[in-house]
Amino acid sequence: MGADLQQPQFQPPEPKKKSLLPFIIGGVAILIVCALQWSDVIEYIEGNRN
């Protein structure tokens, strides 16, 4: 009559892992824009600008 009932232990939910994909895409986009701007600077310095 005195059966021991075990209550389920409370486990907090696991925190969501943050995705790095938006940061990677943003970083690549910034690098591409910087590379395009740098090619304009080189052309301007060398005097090959039309």
N, C-alpha and C. Protein backbone atom coordinates (compact mmCIF):
# COMPACT_ATOMS: atom_id res chain seq x y z
N MET A 1 0.80 -1.18 0.00
CA MET A 1 0.00 0.00 0.00
C MET A 1 0.85 1.26 0.00
N GLY A 2 2.02 1.16 0.43
CA GLY A 2 2.90 2.32 0.47
C GLY A 2 3.83 2.33 -0.73
N ALA A 3 3.26 2.15 -1.91
CA ALA A 3 4.09 2.12 -3.12
C ALA A 3 4.73 3.49 -3.34
N ASP A 4 6.00 3.44 -3.62
CA ASP A 4 6.72 4.70 -3.87
C ASP A 4 6.56 5.08 -5.34
N LEU A 5 5.94 6.21 -5.56
CA LEU A 5 5.79 6.71 -6.92
C LEU A 5 6.87 7.76 -7.16
N GLN A 6 7.63 7.54 -8.19
CA GLN A 6 8.67 8.51 -8.51
C GLN A 6 8.08 9.57 -9.42
N GLN A 7 8.27 10.80 -9.04
CA GLN A 7 7.80 11.88 -9.89
C GLN A 7 8.88 12.17 -10.93
N PRO A 8 8.45 12.44 -12.16
CA PRO A 8 9.46 12.73 -13.19
C PRO A 8 10.25 13.97 -12.81
N GLN A 9 11.55 13.90 -13.03
CA GLN A 9 12.39 15.03 -12.71
C GLN A 9 12.26 16.10 -13.78
N PHE A 10 12.27 17.33 -13.34
CA PHE A 10 12.14 18.46 -14.28
C PHE A 10 13.47 18.70 -14.97
N GLN A 11 13.43 18.71 -16.29
CA GLN A 11 14.62 19.02 -17.07
C GLN A 11 14.33 20.28 -17.87
N PRO A 12 15.16 21.30 -17.68
CA PRO A 12 14.92 22.54 -18.44
C PRO A 12 15.13 22.30 -19.93
N PRO A 13 14.37 23.01 -20.75
CA PRO A 13 14.52 22.81 -22.19
C PRO A 13 15.91 23.27 -22.65
N GLU A 14 16.42 22.58 -23.65
CA GLU A 14 17.75 22.94 -24.17
C GLU A 14 17.67 24.28 -24.89
N PRO A 15 18.67 25.14 -24.68
CA PRO A 15 18.64 26.43 -25.38
C PRO A 15 18.82 26.23 -26.88
N LYS A 16 18.16 27.09 -27.65
CA LYS A 16 18.25 26.98 -29.10
C LYS A 16 19.64 27.39 -29.55
N LYS A 17 20.18 26.64 -30.49
CA LYS A 17 21.49 26.98 -31.03
C LYS A 17 21.32 28.09 -32.05
N LYS A 18 22.18 29.09 -31.95
CA LYS A 18 22.09 30.21 -32.87
C LYS A 18 22.77 29.84 -34.17
N SER A 19 22.13 30.19 -35.25
CA SER A 19 22.66 29.88 -36.57
C SER A 19 23.68 30.93 -36.98
N LEU A 20 24.79 30.48 -37.52
CA LEU A 20 25.84 31.39 -37.99
C LEU A 20 25.67 31.74 -39.46
N LEU A 21 24.71 31.14 -40.13
CA LEU A 21 24.53 31.35 -41.56
C LEU A 21 24.32 32.82 -41.93
N PRO A 22 23.48 33.59 -41.23
CA PRO A 22 23.33 35.01 -41.61
C PRO A 22 24.64 35.79 -41.47
N PHE A 23 25.44 35.47 -40.46
CA PHE A 23 26.71 36.17 -40.28
C PHE A 23 27.70 35.80 -41.38
N ILE A 24 27.70 34.55 -41.80
CA ILE A 24 28.60 34.12 -42.87
C ILE A 24 28.21 34.80 -44.18
N ILE A 25 26.93 34.83 -44.49
CA ILE A 25 26.46 35.46 -45.73
C ILE A 25 26.79 36.95 -45.70
N GLY A 26 26.57 37.61 -44.57
CA GLY A 26 26.89 39.03 -44.45
C GLY A 26 28.38 39.29 -44.61
N GLY A 27 29.21 38.45 -44.03
CA GLY A 27 30.66 38.60 -44.15
C GLY A 27 31.13 38.43 -45.58
N VAL A 28 30.60 37.46 -46.27
CA VAL A 28 30.97 37.24 -47.67
C VAL A 28 30.53 38.42 -48.53
N ALA A 29 29.34 38.94 -48.28
CA ALA A 29 28.85 40.09 -49.05
C ALA A 29 29.74 41.31 -48.83
N ILE A 30 30.15 41.54 -47.59
CA ILE A 30 31.04 42.68 -47.30
C ILE A 30 32.38 42.50 -47.99
N LEU A 31 32.92 41.29 -47.99
CA LEU A 31 34.20 41.04 -48.66
C LEU A 31 34.10 41.28 -50.17
N ILE A 32 32.98 40.87 -50.77
CA ILE A 32 32.80 41.07 -52.21
C ILE A 32 32.73 42.56 -52.53
N VAL A 33 31.98 43.31 -51.74
CA VAL A 33 31.86 44.75 -51.97
C VAL A 33 33.22 45.43 -51.80
N CYS A 34 33.96 45.04 -50.77
CA CYS A 34 35.28 45.63 -50.55
C CYS A 34 36.22 45.30 -51.70
N ALA A 35 36.17 44.09 -52.22
CA ALA A 35 37.04 43.70 -53.33
C ALA A 35 36.69 44.52 -54.58
N LEU A 36 35.42 44.74 -54.84
CA LEU A 36 35.03 45.53 -56.00
C LEU A 36 35.49 46.98 -55.85
N GLN A 37 35.35 47.54 -54.67
CA GLN A 37 35.79 48.91 -54.43
C GLN A 37 37.31 49.01 -54.54
N TRP A 38 38.04 48.00 -54.07
CA TRP A 38 39.50 48.02 -54.11
C TRP A 38 39.98 48.00 -55.56
N SER A 39 39.31 47.27 -56.43
CA SER A 39 39.73 47.25 -57.84
C SER A 39 39.57 48.64 -58.45
N ASP A 40 38.54 49.40 -58.04
CA ASP A 40 38.37 50.77 -58.52
C ASP A 40 39.51 51.66 -58.02
N VAL A 41 39.96 51.45 -56.80
CA VAL A 41 41.06 52.25 -56.24
C VAL A 41 42.34 51.97 -57.02
N ILE A 42 42.61 50.73 -57.32
CA ILE A 42 43.83 50.36 -58.05
C ILE A 42 43.80 50.99 -59.44
N GLU A 43 42.67 50.93 -60.12
CA GLU A 43 42.57 51.53 -61.45
C GLU A 43 42.80 53.04 -61.39
N TYR A 44 42.28 53.68 -60.36
CA TYR A 44 42.42 55.13 -60.22
C TYR A 44 43.89 55.50 -59.96
N ILE A 45 44.58 54.72 -59.13
CA ILE A 45 45.97 55.00 -58.82
C ILE A 45 46.85 54.78 -60.04
N GLU A 46 46.62 53.75 -60.79
CA GLU A 46 47.44 53.42 -61.95
C GLU A 46 47.11 54.29 -63.15
N GLY A 47 46.02 55.01 -63.13
CA GLY A 47 45.68 55.91 -64.20
C GLY A 47 45.02 55.24 -65.39
N ASN A 48 44.51 54.06 -65.23
CA ASN A 48 43.87 53.34 -66.32
C ASN A 48 42.37 53.60 -66.38
N ARG A 49 41.94 54.58 -65.69
CA ARG A 49 40.51 54.86 -65.62
C ARG A 49 40.05 55.53 -66.91
N ASN A 50 38.96 55.09 -67.46
CA ASN A 50 38.45 55.67 -68.71
C ASN A 50 37.47 56.77 -68.42
